[in-house]
Amino acid sequence: MAAMPEPTLDGRDFAMVSSTASTVNTAAPTVFHYHERDGLLWGEYDGDTVRLGRFVGSRDRAQVRISFGHVVGATGEVVSGAAHSTLQRGEDGTLELVETFGAAGEHTSVCREVR
């Protein structure tokens, strides 16, 4: 899978398909709703274990950096952190975000475009 600089993420939704941090509920995965303008990214997410989540960050070609915060549905705990993703095309041609997150980038997740 090769990295790619375009297209815009504005108006795109991505669903989590895998994560080394937790088991993904494939019937109701976390879905991320992206907005992008002039290199600035922001959006919201929910689903699976997340009751409410928000992120903000930037994009430089295929590299995405965000800060995030969300409420864990089962406990009400607020979790915050930062992540780095690479935008690429999957084997079937759909857009994917491959993300590393955690204090030292110890977790990896893959989110695939759903619309």
PDB file of N, CA and C in Angstrom:
ATOM      1  N   MET A   1       0.832  -1.168   0.000  1.00  0.00           N
ATOM      2  CA  MET A   1       0.000   0.000   0.000  1.00  0.00           C
ATOM      3  C   MET A   1       0.883   1.239   0.000  1.00  0.00           C
ATOM      4  N   ALA A   2       0.715   2.071  -0.977  1.00  0.00           N
ATOM      5  CA  ALA A   2       1.556   3.261  -1.114  1.00  0.00           C
ATOM      6  C   ALA A   2       0.877   4.473  -0.488  1.00  0.00           C
ATOM      7  N   ALA A   3       1.688   5.349   0.144  1.00  0.00           N
ATOM      8  CA  ALA A   3       1.169   6.590   0.706  1.00  0.00           C
ATOM      9  C   ALA A   3       0.755   7.510  -0.431  1.00  0.00           C
ATOM     10  N   MET A   4      -0.148   8.442  -0.132  1.00  0.00           N
ATOM     11  CA  MET A   4      -0.652   9.334  -1.166  1.00  0.00           C
ATOM     12  C   MET A   4      -0.918  10.715  -0.607  1.00  0.00           C
ATOM     13  N   PRO A   5      -0.749  11.763  -1.392  1.00  0.00           N
ATOM     14  CA  PRO A   5      -0.945  13.121  -0.891  1.00  0.00           C
ATOM     15  C   PRO A   5      -2.385  13.622  -0.957  1.00  0.00           C
ATOM     16  N   GLU A   6      -3.206  13.094  -1.795  1.00  0.00           N
ATOM     17  CA  GLU A   6      -4.554  13.603  -1.994  1.00  0.00           C
ATOM     18  C   GLU A   6      -5.527  12.448  -1.970  1.00  0.00           C
ATOM     19  N   PRO A   7      -6.771  12.628  -1.874  1.00  0.00           N
ATOM     20  CA  PRO A   7      -7.612  13.819  -1.947  1.00  0.00           C
ATOM     21  C   PRO A   7      -7.882  14.410  -0.566  1.00  0.00           C
ATOM     22  N   THR A   8      -8.699  15.445  -0.526  1.00  0.00           N
ATOM     23  CA  THR A   8      -9.087  16.070   0.738  1.00  0.00           C
ATOM     24  C   THR A   8      -9.854  15.081   1.618  1.00  0.00           C
ATOM     25  N   LEU A   9      -9.761  15.268   2.914  1.00  0.00           N
ATOM     26  CA  LEU A   9     -10.521  14.443   3.853  1.00  0.00           C
ATOM     27  C   LEU A   9     -11.856  15.079   4.208  1.00  0.00           C
ATOM     28  N   ASP A  10     -12.090  16.310   3.752  1.00  0.00           N
ATOM     29  CA  ASP A  10     -13.304  17.036   4.102  1.00  0.00           C
ATOM     30  C   ASP A  10     -14.551  16.263   3.687  1.00  0.00           C
ATOM     31  N   GLY A  11     -15.446  16.041   4.651  1.00  0.00           N
ATOM     32  CA  GLY A  11     -16.709  15.360   4.383  1.00  0.00           C
ATOM     33  C   GLY A  11     -16.606  13.854   4.313  1.00  0.00           C
ATOM     34  N   ARG A  12     -15.445  13.303   4.614  1.00  0.00           N
ATOM     35  CA  ARG A  12     -15.272  11.845   4.549  1.00  0.00           C
ATOM     36  C   ARG A  12     -15.442  11.215   5.930  1.00  0.00           C
ATOM     37  N   ASP A  13     -15.974   9.997   5.927  1.00  0.00           N
ATOM     38  CA  ASP A  13     -16.143   9.214   7.147  1.00  0.00           C
ATOM     39  C   ASP A  13     -15.278   7.971   7.059  1.00  0.00           C
ATOM     40  N   PHE A  14     -14.638   7.642   8.182  1.00  0.00           N
ATOM     41  CA  PHE A  14     -13.771   6.472   8.260  1.00  0.00           C
ATOM     42  C   PHE A  14     -14.199   5.626   9.446  1.00  0.00           C
ATOM     43  N   ALA A  15     -14.317   4.317   9.262  1.00  0.00           N
ATOM     44  CA  ALA A  15     -14.665   3.395  10.347  1.00  0.00           C
ATOM     45  C   ALA A  15     -13.427   2.611  10.745  1.00  0.00           C
ATOM     46  N   MET A  16     -13.267   2.413  12.045  1.00  0.00           N
ATOM     47  CA  MET A  16     -12.146   1.631  12.538  1.00  0.00           C
ATOM     48  C   MET A  16     -12.358   0.165  12.170  1.00  0.00           C
ATOM     49  N   VAL A  17     -11.347  -0.442  11.560  1.00  0.00           N
ATOM     50  CA  VAL A  17     -11.442  -1.858  11.188  1.00  0.00           C
ATOM     51  C   VAL A  17     -10.503  -2.732  11.995  1.00  0.00           C
ATOM     52  N   SER A  18      -9.452  -2.141  12.594  1.00  0.00           N
ATOM     53  CA  SER A  18      -8.562  -2.921  13.454  1.00  0.00           C
ATOM     54  C   SER A  18      -7.836  -1.993  14.409  1.00  0.00           C
ATOM     55  N   SER A  19      -7.428  -2.559  15.552  1.00  0.00           N
ATOM     56  CA  SER A  19      -6.684  -1.797  16.544  1.00  0.00           C
ATOM     57  C   SER A  19      -5.909  -2.749  17.434  1.00  0.00           C
ATOM     58  N   THR A  20      -4.676  -2.391  17.743  1.00  0.00           N
ATOM     59  CA  THR A  20      -3.905  -3.200  18.682  1.00  0.00           C
ATOM     60  C   THR A  20      -4.245  -2.818  20.120  1.00  0.00           C
ATOM     61  N   ALA A  21      -5.014  -1.740  20.337  1.00  0.00           N
ATOM     62  CA  ALA A  21      -5.365  -1.288  21.684  1.00  0.00           C
ATOM     63  C   ALA A  21      -6.621  -1.979  22.215  1.00  0.00           C
ATOM     64  N   SER A  22      -7.496  -2.447  21.325  1.00  0.00           N
ATOM     65  CA  SER A  22      -8.745  -3.065  21.768  1.00  0.00           C
ATOM     66  C   SER A  22      -9.351  -3.874  20.628  1.00  0.00           C
ATOM     67  N   THR A  23     -10.347  -4.678  20.976  1.00  0.00           N
ATOM     68  CA  THR A  23     -11.101  -5.420  19.974  1.00  0.00           C
ATOM     69  C   THR A  23     -12.112  -4.475  19.342  1.00  0.00           C
ATOM     70  N   VAL A  24     -12.204  -4.479  18.019  1.00  0.00           N
ATOM     71  CA  VAL A  24     -13.127  -3.600  17.302  1.00  0.00           C
ATOM     72  C   VAL A  24     -14.458  -4.315  17.115  1.00  0.00           C
ATOM     73  N   ASN A  25     -15.542  -3.651  17.481  1.00  0.00           N
ATOM     74  CA  ASN A  25     -16.882  -4.176  17.261  1.00  0.00           C
ATOM     75  C   ASN A  25     -17.229  -3.931  15.795  1.00  0.00           C
ATOM     76  N   THR A  26     -17.112  -4.948  14.962  1.00  0.00           N
ATOM     77  CA  THR A  26     -17.323  -4.777  13.521  1.00  0.00           C
ATOM     78  C   THR A  26     -18.777  -4.456  13.170  1.00  0.00           C
ATOM     79  N   ALA A  27     -19.718  -4.778  14.064  1.00  0.00           N
ATOM     80  CA  ALA A  27     -21.124  -4.463  13.813  1.00  0.00           C
ATOM     81  C   ALA A  27     -21.438  -2.997  14.124  1.00  0.00           C
ATOM     82  N   ALA A  28     -20.651  -2.369  14.995  1.00  0.00           N
ATOM     83  CA  ALA A  28     -20.874  -0.966  15.369  1.00  0.00           C
ATOM     84  C   ALA A  28     -19.529  -0.318  15.687  1.00  0.00           C
ATOM     85  N   PRO A  29     -18.656  -0.189  14.673  1.00  0.00           N
ATOM     86  CA  PRO A  29     -17.321   0.346  14.929  1.00  0.00           C
ATOM     87  C   PRO A  29     -17.346   1.845  15.224  1.00  0.00           C
ATOM     88  N   THR A  30     -16.239   2.338  15.770  1.00  0.00           N
ATOM     89  CA  THR A  30     -16.083   3.777  15.926  1.00  0.00           C
ATOM     90  C   THR A  30     -15.979   4.389  14.536  1.00  0.00           C
ATOM     91  N   VAL A  31     -16.745   5.444  14.282  1.00  0.00           N
ATOM     92  CA  VAL A  31     -16.731   6.135  12.988  1.00  0.00           C
ATOM     93  C   VAL A  31     -16.254   7.565  13.219  1.00  0.00           C
ATOM     94  N   PHE A  32     -15.304   7.995  12.394  1.00  0.00           N
ATOM     95  CA  PHE A  32     -14.686   9.315  12.469  1.00  0.00           C
ATOM     96  C   PHE A  32     -15.187  10.165  11.309  1.00  0.00           C
ATOM     97  N   HIS A  33     -15.687  11.354  11.607  1.00  0.00           N
ATOM     98  CA  HIS A  33     -16.226  12.275  10.611  1.00  0.00           C
ATOM     99  C   HIS A  33     -15.215  13.422  10.457  1.00  0.00           C
ATOM    100  N   TYR A  34     -14.619  13.544   9.275  1.00  0.00           N
ATOM    101  CA  TYR A  34     -13.540  14.511   9.037  1.00  0.00           C
ATOM    102  C   TYR A  34     -14.011  15.775   8.341  1.00  0.00           C
ATOM    103  N   HIS A  35     -13.376  16.879   8.734  1.00  0.00           N
ATOM    104  CA  HIS A  35     -13.507  18.172   8.068  1.00  0.00           C
ATOM    105  C   HIS A  35     -12.081  18.660   7.808  1.00  0.00           C
ATOM    106  N   GLU A  36     -11.871  19.320   6.687  1.00  0.00           N
ATOM    107  CA  GLU A  36     -10.530  19.800   6.357  1.00  0.00           C
ATOM    108  C   GLU A  36     -10.626  21.108   5.588  1.00  0.00           C
ATOM    109  N   ARG A  37      -9.780  22.038   5.977  1.00  0.00           N
ATOM    110  CA  ARG A  37      -9.687  23.298   5.246  1.00  0.00           C
ATOM    111  C   ARG A  37      -8.312  23.901   5.493  1.00  0.00           C
ATOM    112  N   ASP A  38      -7.620  24.226   4.414  1.00  0.00           N
ATOM    113  CA  ASP A  38      -6.320  24.897   4.476  1.00  0.00           C
ATOM    114  C   ASP A  38      -5.314  24.168   5.364  1.00  0.00           C
ATOM    115  N   GLY A  39      -5.331  22.837   5.334  1.00  0.00           N
ATOM    116  CA  GLY A  39      -4.379  22.058   6.116  1.00  0.00           C
ATOM    117  C   GLY A  39      -4.813  21.784   7.546  1.00  0.00           C
ATOM    118  N   LEU A  40      -5.915  22.409   7.985  1.00  0.00           N
ATOM    119  CA  LEU A  40      -6.445  22.168   9.321  1.00  0.00           C
ATOM    120  C   LEU A  40      -7.485  21.058   9.250  1.00  0.00           C
ATOM    121  N   LEU A  41      -7.407  20.124  10.192  1.00  0.00           N
ATOM    122  CA  LEU A  41      -8.380  19.027  10.295  1.00  0.00           C
ATOM    123  C   LEU A  41      -9.126  19.154  11.610  1.00  0.00           C
ATOM    124  N   TRP A  42     -10.395  18.757  11.609  1.00  0.00           N
ATOM    125  CA  TRP A  42     -11.155  18.653  12.835  1.00  0.00           C
ATOM    126  C   TRP A  42     -12.295  17.685  12.592  1.00  0.00           C
ATOM    127  N   GLY A  43     -12.871  17.203  13.662  1.00  0.00           N
ATOM    128  CA  GLY A  43     -13.988  16.297  13.480  1.00  0.00           C
ATOM    129  C   GLY A  43     -14.473  15.703  14.775  1.00  0.00           C
ATOM    130  N   GLU A  44     -15.335  14.738  14.611  1.00  0.00           N
ATOM    131  CA  GLU A  44     -15.962  14.072  15.733  1.00  0.00           C
ATOM    132  C   GLU A  44     -16.024  12.584  15.458  1.00  0.00           C
ATOM    133  N   TYR A  45     -16.178  11.815  16.522  1.00  0.00           N
ATOM    134  CA  TYR A  45     -16.277  10.370  16.379  1.00  0.00           C
ATOM    135  C   TYR A  45     -17.082   9.775  17.518  1.00  0.00           C
ATOM    136  N   ASP A  46     -17.690   8.624  17.236  1.00  0.00           N
ATOM    137  CA  ASP A  46     -18.424   7.867  18.241  1.00  0.00           C
ATOM    138  C   ASP A  46     -18.635   6.462  17.726  1.00  0.00           C
ATOM    139  N   GLY A  47     -19.193   5.629  18.585  1.00  0.00           N
ATOM    140  CA  GLY A  47     -19.435   4.242  18.231  1.00  0.00           C
ATOM    141  C   GLY A  47     -18.526   3.312  19.016  1.00  0.00           C
ATOM    142  N   ASP A  48     -18.849   2.033  18.995  1.00  0.00           N
ATOM    143  CA  ASP A  48     -18.115   1.007  19.724  1.00  0.00           C
ATOM    144  C   ASP A  48     -18.011   1.421  21.183  1.00  0.00           C
ATOM    145  N   THR A  49     -16.832   1.645  21.717  1.00  0.00           N
ATOM    146  CA  THR A  49     -16.665   1.985  23.136  1.00  0.00           C
ATOM    147  C   THR A  49     -16.694   3.483  23.401  1.00  0.00           C
ATOM    148  N   VAL A  50     -16.794   4.306  22.346  1.00  0.00           N
ATOM    149  CA  VAL A  50     -16.723   5.765  22.485  1.00  0.00           C
ATOM    150  C   VAL A  50     -18.120   6.368  22.455  1.00  0.00           C
ATOM    151  N   ARG A  51     -18.469   7.088  23.527  1.00  0.00           N
ATOM    152  CA  ARG A  51     -19.756   7.776  23.587  1.00  0.00           C
ATOM    153  C   ARG A  51     -19.706   9.094  22.813  1.00  0.00           C
ATOM    154  N   LEU A  52     -18.596   9.842  22.970  1.00  0.00           N
ATOM    155  CA  LEU A  52     -18.461  11.152  22.345  1.00  0.00           C
ATOM    156  C   LEU A  52     -16.973  11.445  22.186  1.00  0.00           C
ATOM    157  N   GLY A  53     -16.550  11.822  20.988  1.00  0.00           N
ATOM    158  CA  GLY A  53     -15.142  12.137  20.774  1.00  0.00           C
ATOM    159  C   GLY A  53     -14.970  13.300  19.818  1.00  0.00           C
ATOM    160  N   ARG A  54     -13.882  14.053  20.019  1.00  0.00           N
ATOM    161  CA  ARG A  54     -13.538  15.185  19.153  1.00  0.00           C
ATOM    162  C   ARG A  54     -12.049  15.147  18.864  1.00  0.00           C
ATOM    163  N   PHE A  55     -11.654  15.666  17.687  1.00  0.00           N
ATOM    164  CA  PHE A  55     -10.237  15.779  17.370  1.00  0.00           C
ATOM    165  C   PHE A  55      -9.981  17.051  16.574  1.00  0.00           C
ATOM    166  N   VAL A  56      -8.741  17.506  16.632  1.00  0.00           N
ATOM    167  CA  VAL A  56      -8.282  18.652  15.862  1.00  0.00           C
ATOM    168  C   VAL A  56      -6.822  18.404  15.530  1.00  0.00           C
ATOM    169  N   GLY A  57      -6.404  18.860  14.355  1.00  0.00           N
ATOM    170  CA  GLY A  57      -5.014  18.653  13.979  1.00  0.00           C
ATOM    171  C   GLY A  57      -4.690  19.275  12.640  1.00  0.00           C
ATOM    172  N   SER A  58      -3.673  18.727  12.021  1.00  0.00           N
ATOM    173  CA  SER A  58      -3.208  19.270  10.744  1.00  0.00           C
ATOM    174  C   SER A  58      -2.829  18.138   9.811  1.00  0.00           C
ATOM    175  N   ARG A  59      -2.691  18.519   8.538  1.00  0.00           N
ATOM    176  CA  ARG A  59      -2.321  17.551   7.516  1.00  0.00           C
ATOM    177  C   ARG A  59      -1.275  18.170   6.618  1.00  0.00           C
ATOM    178  N   ASP A  60      -0.251  17.388   6.340  1.00  0.00           N
ATOM    179  CA  ASP A  60       0.775  17.767   5.379  1.00  0.00           C
ATOM    180  C   ASP A  60       0.882  16.612   4.390  1.00  0.00           C
ATOM    181  N   ARG A  61       0.221  16.778   3.248  1.00  0.00           N
ATOM    182  CA  ARG A  61       0.145  15.740   2.227  1.00  0.00           C
ATOM    183  C   ARG A  61      -0.469  14.470   2.809  1.00  0.00           C
ATOM    184  N   ALA A  62       0.243  13.372   2.893  1.00  0.00           N
ATOM    185  CA  ALA A  62      -0.323  12.117   3.398  1.00  0.00           C
ATOM    186  C   ALA A  62      -0.157  11.945   4.902  1.00  0.00           C
ATOM    187  N   GLN A  63       0.460  12.926   5.568  1.00  0.00           N
ATOM    188  CA  GLN A  63       0.707  12.815   7.012  1.00  0.00           C
ATOM    189  C   GLN A  63      -0.330  13.624   7.791  1.00  0.00           C
ATOM    190  N   VAL A  64      -0.970  12.970   8.754  1.00  0.00           N
ATOM    191  CA  VAL A  64      -2.016  13.578   9.560  1.00  0.00           C
ATOM    192  C   VAL A  64      -1.596  13.509  11.027  1.00  0.00           C
ATOM    193  N   ARG A  65      -1.673  14.637  11.716  1.00  0.00           N
ATOM    194  CA  ARG A  65      -1.368  14.687  13.154  1.00  0.00           C
ATOM    195  C   ARG A  65      -2.561  15.315  13.863  1.00  0.00           C
ATOM    196  N   ILE A  66      -3.043  14.612  14.901  1.00  0.00           N
ATOM    197  CA  ILE A  66      -4.199  15.121  15.635  1.00  0.00           C
ATOM    198  C   ILE A  66      -3.989  14.999  17.143  1.00  0.00           C
ATOM    199  N   SER A  67      -4.746  15.800  17.863  1.00  0.00           N
ATOM    200  CA  SER A  67      -4.962  15.637  19.296  1.00  0.00           C
ATOM    201  C   SER A  67      -6.426  15.263  19.446  1.00  0.00           C
ATOM    202  N   PHE A  68      -6.717  14.386  20.401  1.00  0.00           N
ATOM    203  CA  PHE A  68      -8.088  13.903  20.530  1.00  0.00           C
ATOM    204  C   PHE A  68      -8.505  13.825  21.987  1.00  0.00           C
ATOM    205  N   GLY A  69      -9.806  13.775  22.190  1.00  0.00           N
ATOM    206  CA  GLY A  69     -10.393  13.524  23.496  1.00  0.00           C
ATOM    207  C   GLY A  69     -11.719  12.831  23.303  1.00  0.00           C
ATOM    208  N   HIS A  70     -11.990  11.842  24.159  1.00  0.00           N
ATOM    209  CA  HIS A  70     -13.287  11.180  24.062  1.00  0.00           C
ATOM    210  C   HIS A  70     -13.751  10.665  25.422  1.00  0.00           C
ATOM    211  N   VAL A  71     -15.051  10.381  25.482  1.00  0.00           N
ATOM    212  CA  VAL A  71     -15.677   9.829  26.673  1.00  0.00           C
ATOM    213  C   VAL A  71     -15.910   8.344  26.413  1.00  0.00           C
ATOM    214  N   VAL A  72     -15.412   7.509  27.315  1.00  0.00           N
ATOM    215  CA  VAL A  72     -15.610   6.061  27.219  1.00  0.00           C
ATOM    216  C   VAL A  72     -17.041   5.762  27.654  1.00  0.00           C
ATOM    217  N   GLY A  73     -17.773   5.082  26.782  1.00  0.00           N
ATOM    218  CA  GLY A  73     -19.188   4.837  27.043  1.00  0.00           C
ATOM    219  C   GLY A  73     -19.478   4.070  28.309  1.00  0.00           C
ATOM    220  N   ALA A  74     -18.724   3.029  28.604  1.00  0.00           N
ATOM    221  CA  ALA A  74     -19.017   2.166  29.745  1.00  0.00           C
ATOM    222  C   ALA A  74     -18.699   2.808  31.088  1.00  0.00           C
ATOM    223  N   THR A  75     -17.702   3.691  31.128  1.00  0.00           N
ATOM    224  CA  THR A  75     -17.237   4.223  32.412  1.00  0.00           C
ATOM    225  C   THR A  75     -17.422   5.722  32.585  1.00  0.00           C
ATOM    226  N   GLY A  76     -17.577   6.457  31.489  1.00  0.00           N
ATOM    227  CA  GLY A  76     -17.638   7.913  31.560  1.00  0.00           C
ATOM    228  C   GLY A  76     -16.271   8.566  31.683  1.00  0.00           C
ATOM    229  N   GLU A  77     -15.212   7.752  31.669  1.00  0.00           N
ATOM    230  CA  GLU A  77     -13.846   8.280  31.752  1.00  0.00           C
ATOM    231  C   GLU A  77     -13.533   9.107  30.508  1.00  0.00           C
ATOM    232  N   VAL A  78     -12.824  10.227  30.706  1.00  0.00           N
ATOM    233  CA  VAL A  78     -12.369  11.051  29.591  1.00  0.00           C
ATOM    234  C   VAL A  78     -10.928  10.661  29.282  1.00  0.00           C
ATOM    235  N   VAL A  79     -10.680  10.325  28.024  1.00  0.00           N
ATOM    236  CA  VAL A  79      -9.356   9.926  27.550  1.00  0.00           C
ATOM    237  C   VAL A  79      -8.897  10.962  26.535  1.00  0.00           C
ATOM    238  N   SER A  80      -7.636  11.400  26.632  1.00  0.00           N
ATOM    239  CA  SER A  80      -7.112  12.331  25.639  1.00  0.00           C
ATOM    240  C   SER A  80      -5.717  11.890  25.236  1.00  0.00           C
ATOM    241  N   GLY A  81      -5.292  12.353  24.068  1.00  0.00           N
ATOM    242  CA  GLY A  81      -3.971  11.977  23.580  1.00  0.00           C
ATOM    243  C   GLY A  81      -3.691  12.577  22.223  1.00  0.00           C
ATOM    244  N   ALA A  82      -2.697  12.034  21.569  1.00  0.00           N
ATOM    245  CA  ALA A  82      -2.288  12.495  20.244  1.00  0.00           C
ATOM    246  C   ALA A  82      -2.039  11.285  19.357  1.00  0.00           C
ATOM    247  N   ALA A  83      -2.144  11.500  18.062  1.00  0.00           N
ATOM    248  CA  ALA A  83      -1.948  10.408  17.111  1.00  0.00           C
ATOM    249  C   ALA A  83      -1.342  10.937  15.820  1.00  0.00           C
ATOM    250  N   HIS A  84      -0.689  10.046  15.118  1.00  0.00           N
ATOM    251  CA  HIS A  84      -0.119  10.338  13.805  1.00  0.00           C
ATOM    252  C   HIS A  84      -0.640   9.278  12.847  1.00  0.00           C
ATOM    253  N   SER A  85      -1.176   9.704  11.713  1.00  0.00           N
ATOM    254  CA  SER A  85      -1.706   8.776  10.711  1.00  0.00           C
ATOM    255  C   SER A  85      -1.064   9.033   9.363  1.00  0.00           C
ATOM    256  N   THR A  86      -1.049   7.989   8.557  1.00  0.00           N
ATOM    257  CA  THR A  86      -0.629   8.093   7.165  1.00  0.00           C
ATOM    258  C   THR A  86      -1.822   7.738   6.295  1.00  0.00           C
ATOM    259  N   LEU A  87      -2.169   8.628   5.368  1.00  0.00           N
ATOM    260  CA  LEU A  87      -3.256   8.406   4.422  1.00  0.00           C
ATOM    261  C   LEU A  87      -2.726   7.570   3.275  1.00  0.00           C
ATOM    262  N   GLN A  88      -3.431   6.488   2.962  1.00  0.00           N
ATOM    263  CA  GLN A  88      -2.997   5.614   1.864  1.00  0.00           C
ATOM    264  C   GLN A  88      -4.206   4.943   1.238  1.00  0.00           C
ATOM    265  N   ARG A  89      -3.979   4.260   0.148  1.00  0.00           N
ATOM    266  CA  ARG A  89      -5.033   3.478  -0.500  1.00  0.00           C
ATOM    267  C   ARG A  89      -4.849   2.017  -0.130  1.00  0.00           C
ATOM    268  N   GLY A  90      -5.958   1.392   0.263  1.00  0.00           N
ATOM    269  CA  GLY A  90      -5.933  -0.030   0.558  1.00  0.00           C
ATOM    270  C   GLY A  90      -5.840  -0.847  -0.722  1.00  0.00           C
ATOM    271  N   GLU A  91      -5.707  -2.136  -0.561  1.00  0.00           N
ATOM    272  CA  GLU A  91      -5.599  -3.036  -1.719  1.00  0.00           C
ATOM    273  C   GLU A  91      -6.801  -2.947  -2.636  1.00  0.00           C
ATOM    274  N   ASP A  92      -7.984  -2.621  -2.071  1.00  0.00           N
ATOM    275  CA  ASP A  92      -9.201  -2.511  -2.890  1.00  0.00           C
ATOM    276  C   ASP A  92      -9.429  -1.096  -3.413  1.00  0.00           C
ATOM    277  N   GLY A  93      -8.482  -0.171  -3.156  1.00  0.00           N
ATOM    278  CA  GLY A  93      -8.582   1.189  -3.674  1.00  0.00           C
ATOM    279  C   GLY A  93      -9.236   2.188  -2.746  1.00  0.00           C
ATOM    280  N   THR A  94      -9.815   1.728  -1.624  1.00  0.00           N
ATOM    281  CA  THR A  94     -10.442   2.667  -0.694  1.00  0.00           C
ATOM    282  C   THR A  94      -9.373   3.399   0.112  1.00  0.00           C
ATOM    283  N   LEU A  95      -9.723   4.597   0.572  1.00  0.00           N
ATOM    284  CA  LEU A  95      -8.810   5.362   1.415  1.00  0.00           C
ATOM    285  C   LEU A  95      -8.729   4.742   2.802  1.00  0.00           C
ATOM    286  N   GLU A  96      -7.519   4.726   3.360  1.00  0.00           N
ATOM    287  CA  GLU A  96      -7.294   4.232   4.709  1.00  0.00           C
ATOM    288  C   GLU A  96      -6.406   5.209   5.467  1.00  0.00           C
ATOM    289  N   LEU A  97      -6.625   5.272   6.763  1.00  0.00           N
ATOM    290  CA  LEU A  97      -5.748   6.005   7.664  1.00  0.00           C
ATOM    291  C   LEU A  97      -5.120   4.972   8.591  1.00  0.00           C
ATOM    292  N   VAL A  98      -3.802   4.841   8.517  1.00  0.00           N
ATOM    293  CA  VAL A  98      -3.069   3.937   9.397  1.00  0.00           C
ATOM    294  C   VAL A  98      -2.454   4.809  10.479  1.00  0.00           C
ATOM    295  N   GLU A  99      -2.890   4.581  11.716  1.00  0.00           N
ATOM    296  CA  GLU A  99      -2.598   5.497  12.819  1.00  0.00           C
ATOM    297  C   GLU A  99      -1.737   4.834  13.884  1.00  0.00           C
ATOM    298  N   THR A 100      -0.791   5.595  14.406  1.00  0.00           N
ATOM    299  CA  THR A 100      -0.055   5.180  15.604  1.00  0.00           C
ATOM    300  C   THR A 100      -0.421   6.166  16.706  1.00  0.00           C
ATOM    301  N   PHE A 101      -0.638   5.631  17.910  1.00  0.00           N
ATOM    302  CA  PHE A 101      -1.036   6.491  19.019  1.00  0.00           C
ATOM    303  C   PHE A 101      -0.554   5.893  20.332  1.00  0.00           C
ATOM    304  N   GLY A 102      -0.588   6.709  21.350  1.00  0.00           N
ATOM    305  CA  GLY A 102      -0.101   6.327  22.663  1.00  0.00           C
ATOM    306  C   GLY A 102       1.132   7.131  22.995  1.00  0.00           C
ATOM    307  N   ALA A 103       1.604   6.997  24.210  1.00  0.00           N
ATOM    308  CA  ALA A 103       2.722   7.806  24.684  1.00  0.00           C
ATOM    309  C   ALA A 103       3.961   7.650  23.813  1.00  0.00           C
ATOM    310  N   ALA A 104       4.224   6.452  23.338  1.00  0.00           N
ATOM    311  CA  ALA A 104       5.411   6.224  22.497  1.00  0.00           C
ATOM    312  C   ALA A 104       5.008   5.585  21.167  1.00  0.00           C
ATOM    313  N   GLY A 105       3.775   5.817  20.733  1.00  0.00           N
ATOM    314  CA  GLY A 105       3.312   5.219  19.483  1.00  0.00           C
ATOM    315  C   GLY A 105       3.180   3.713  19.578  1.00  0.00           C
ATOM    316  N   GLU A 106       2.782   3.235  20.769  1.00  0.00           N
ATOM    317  CA  GLU A 106       2.767   1.794  20.988  1.00  0.00           C
ATOM    318  C   GLU A 106       1.540   1.071  20.432  1.00  0.00           C
ATOM    319  N   HIS A 107       0.555   1.795  19.930  1.00  0.00           N
ATOM    320  CA  HIS A 107      -0.633   1.165  19.363  1.00  0.00           C
ATOM    321  C   HIS A 107      -0.798   1.582  17.904  1.00  0.00           C
ATOM    322  N   THR A 108      -1.420   0.695  17.133  1.00  0.00           N
ATOM    323  CA  THR A 108      -1.691   0.967  15.729  1.00  0.00           C
ATOM    324  C   THR A 108      -3.147   0.631  15.435  1.00  0.00           C
ATOM    325  N   SER A 109      -3.810   1.480  14.663  1.00  0.00           N
ATOM    326  CA  SER A 109      -5.161   1.189  14.218  1.00  0.00           C
ATOM    327  C   SER A 109      -5.265   1.496  12.729  1.00  0.00           C
ATOM    328  N   VAL A 110      -6.267   0.895  12.110  1.00  0.00           N
ATOM    329  CA  VAL A 110      -6.561   1.149  10.702  1.00  0.00           C
ATOM    330  C   VAL A 110      -8.022   1.549  10.602  1.00  0.00           C
ATOM    331  N   CYS A 111      -8.250   2.684   9.934  1.00  0.00           N
ATOM    332  CA  CYS A 111      -9.606   3.154   9.669  1.00  0.00           C
ATOM    333  C   CYS A 111      -9.789   3.222   8.160  1.00  0.00           C
ATOM    334  N   ARG A 112     -10.919   2.715   7.669  1.00  0.00           N
ATOM    335  CA  ARG A 112     -11.198   2.664   6.233  1.00  0.00           C
ATOM    336  C   ARG A 112     -12.385   3.560   5.917  1.00  0.00           C
ATOM    337  N   GLU A 113     -12.286   4.250   4.788  1.00  0.00           N
ATOM    338  CA  GLU A 113     -13.374   5.139   4.372  1.00  0.00           C
ATOM    339  C   GLU A 113     -14.651   4.348   4.159  1.00  0.00           C
ATOM    340  N   VAL A 114     -15.759   4.899   4.687  1.00  0.00           N
ATOM    341  CA  VAL A 114     -17.061   4.247   4.531  1.00  0.00           C
ATOM    342  C   VAL A 114     -18.005   5.031   3.647  1.00  0.00           C
ATOM    343  N   ARG A 115     -17.649   6.264   3.307  1.00  0.00           N
ATOM    344  CA  ARG A 115     -18.412   7.017   2.302  1.00  0.00           C
ATOM    345  C   ARG A 115     -17.578   8.127   1.791  1.00  0.00           C
TER     346      ARG A 115
END
